[in-house]
């Protein structure tokens, strides 16, 4: 794993084996932090030439609805332009945080999204589906 961006609220890494950008939310971000972190994800996808994300959202908390709309419109448009196509989401055991993330992602079209309770299961799905795509 290569660290692309690291702050108190998020780490954005690149997994060379999976050719996947991996944001890990370490705490509930402010709106400004959320947007900064998401923009760093786009930069990393562009730098590493990948459209696959595996994100650990277990600690992201409930999202601000305005940030959800921003990520499903402005951010998504820019992410798709750099190749965004697949998203493995590690979800929070907290039902409210889980619902918040799912509500936002339900607005996304054109990207294959799947939810997982663990990193290992998300990784296995990426390996399995990418091997099948080759």
Protein backbone atom coordinates (compact mmCIF):
# COMPACT_ATOMS: atom_id res chain seq x y z
CA UNK A 1 0.00 0.00 0.00
CA UNK A 2 1.16 3.48 -0.87
CA UNK A 3 -0.14 6.40 1.17
CA UNK A 4 -1.38 9.17 -1.12
CA UNK A 5 -2.96 11.50 1.47
CA UNK A 6 -3.14 11.34 5.25
CA UNK A 7 -5.00 13.57 7.69
CA UNK A 8 -6.63 13.04 11.08
CA UNK A 9 -10.00 12.26 9.44
CA UNK A 10 -8.95 10.20 6.37
CA UNK A 11 -6.14 8.22 4.85
CA UNK A 12 -6.18 7.66 1.08
CA UNK A 13 -4.00 4.75 0.02
CA UNK A 14 -3.31 2.91 -3.21
CA UNK A 15 -3.32 -0.89 -3.22
CA UNK A 16 -1.00 -1.94 -6.04
CA UNK A 17 -2.09 -5.59 -6.01
CA UNK A 18 -5.76 -4.66 -6.50
CA UNK A 19 -5.10 -1.48 -8.54
CA UNK A 20 -7.53 0.17 -6.12
CA UNK A 21 -7.70 3.51 -4.30
CA UNK A 22 -8.58 2.89 -0.66
CA UNK A 23 -9.91 5.78 1.42
CA UNK A 24 -10.28 4.99 5.13
CA UNK A 25 -12.41 7.44 7.10
CA UNK A 26 -10.92 7.61 10.60
CA UNK A 27 -13.60 9.83 12.15
CA UNK A 28 -16.70 11.77 11.19
CA UNK A 29 -15.41 14.62 9.00
CA UNK A 30 -16.66 18.18 8.83
CA UNK A 31 -18.20 19.16 5.50
CA UNK A 32 -14.93 20.83 4.47
CA UNK A 33 -12.92 17.74 5.47
CA UNK A 34 -15.32 15.42 3.65
CA UNK A 35 -15.03 17.36 0.41
CA UNK A 36 -11.24 17.64 0.72
CA UNK A 37 -10.96 13.89 1.29
CA UNK A 38 -13.26 13.06 -1.60
CA UNK A 39 -11.32 15.37 -3.92
CA UNK A 40 -8.09 13.63 -2.88
CA UNK A 41 -9.73 10.33 -3.86
CA UNK A 42 -10.29 11.68 -7.39
CA UNK A 43 -6.68 12.88 -7.56
CA UNK A 44 -5.46 9.43 -6.48
CA UNK A 45 -7.67 7.63 -9.03
CA UNK A 46 -6.24 9.87 -11.73
CA UNK A 47 -2.63 9.48 -10.56
CA UNK A 48 -2.83 5.67 -10.33
CA UNK A 49 -5.08 5.30 -13.38
CA UNK A 50 -7.79 3.26 -11.69
CA UNK A 51 -11.57 3.49 -11.41
CA UNK A 52 -11.87 1.10 -8.50
CA UNK A 53 -12.44 2.25 -4.92
CA UNK A 54 -12.55 0.27 -1.69
CA UNK A 55 -13.58 2.59 1.10
CA UNK A 56 -13.86 1.95 4.81
CA UNK A 57 -16.79 4.11 5.92
CA UNK A 58 -17.23 2.46 9.33
CA UNK A 59 -16.26 5.66 11.19
CA UNK A 60 -17.65 8.30 8.80
CA UNK A 61 -20.80 8.88 10.85
CA UNK A 62 -24.01 10.31 9.43
CA UNK A 63 -23.40 12.45 6.36
CA UNK A 64 -24.70 15.95 5.90
CA UNK A 65 -27.42 15.73 3.21
CA UNK A 66 -25.77 18.59 1.27
CA UNK A 67 -22.49 16.63 1.18
CA UNK A 68 -24.42 13.59 -0.01
CA UNK A 69 -25.96 15.56 -2.86
CA UNK A 70 -22.57 17.10 -3.72
CA UNK A 71 -20.89 13.68 -3.83
CA UNK A 72 -23.67 12.19 -5.99
CA UNK A 73 -23.54 15.07 -8.50
CA UNK A 74 -20.46 17.33 -8.68
CA UNK A 75 -17.99 14.81 -7.27
CA UNK A 76 -19.44 11.85 -9.18
CA UNK A 77 -19.29 13.69 -12.51
CA UNK A 78 -15.60 14.45 -11.98
CA UNK A 79 -14.84 10.93 -10.71
CA UNK A 80 -16.47 9.25 -13.71
CA UNK A 81 -14.34 11.42 -16.01
CA UNK A 82 -11.20 9.85 -14.50
CA UNK A 83 -12.63 6.32 -14.86
CA UNK A 84 -14.59 5.64 -11.64
CA UNK A 85 -16.56 2.42 -12.21
CA UNK A 86 -16.50 0.14 -9.15
CA UNK A 87 -16.96 0.78 -5.43
CA UNK A 88 -16.56 -1.72 -2.57
CA UNK A 89 -17.95 -0.10 0.57
CA UNK A 90 -17.07 -1.33 4.06
CA UNK A 91 -20.06 -0.23 6.09
CA UNK A 92 -20.46 0.88 9.66
CA UNK A 93 -22.15 -1.39 12.16
CA UNK A 94 -24.03 1.77 13.26
CA UNK A 95 -27.37 1.62 11.44
CA UNK A 96 -27.73 5.42 11.18
CA UNK A 97 -24.30 5.89 9.62
CA UNK A 98 -24.99 2.90 7.36
CA UNK A 99 -28.31 4.36 6.19
CA UNK A 100 -26.67 7.75 5.56
CA UNK A 101 -23.98 6.24 3.32
CA UNK A 102 -26.48 4.01 1.51
CA UNK A 103 -28.91 6.93 0.96
CA UNK A 104 -26.12 8.89 -0.72
CA UNK A 105 -24.91 5.96 -2.82
CA UNK A 106 -28.46 5.13 -3.94
CA UNK A 107 -28.27 8.37 -5.95
CA UNK A 108 -25.28 7.09 -7.94
CA UNK A 109 -25.78 5.61 -11.41
CA UNK A 110 -23.25 3.95 -13.69
CA UNK A 111 -20.97 2.64 -10.94
CA UNK A 112 -21.03 -0.92 -9.61
CA UNK A 113 -21.46 -0.61 -5.82
CA UNK A 114 -21.48 -3.39 -3.25
CA UNK A 115 -21.54 -3.25 0.56
CA UNK A 116 -19.45 -5.40 2.90
CA UNK A 117 -19.12 -5.85 6.67
CA UNK A 118 -15.34 -6.38 6.43
CA UNK A 119 -12.26 -5.39 4.47
CA UNK A 120 -11.50 -9.03 3.67
CA UNK A 121 -14.87 -9.53 1.99
CA UNK A 122 -14.55 -6.28 0.01
CA UNK A 123 -11.06 -7.30 -1.15
CA UNK A 124 -12.26 -10.76 -2.18
CA UNK A 125 -15.08 -9.24 -4.25
CA UNK A 126 -12.68 -6.92 -6.09
CA UNK A 127 -10.28 -9.78 -6.82
CA UNK A 128 -13.09 -12.05 -8.00
CA UNK A 129 -14.84 -9.51 -10.21
CA UNK A 130 -11.67 -8.07 -11.71
CA UNK A 131 -10.33 -11.55 -12.53
CA UNK A 132 -13.64 -12.33 -14.26
CA UNK A 133 -13.40 -9.07 -16.25
CA UNK A 134 -9.97 -9.93 -17.70
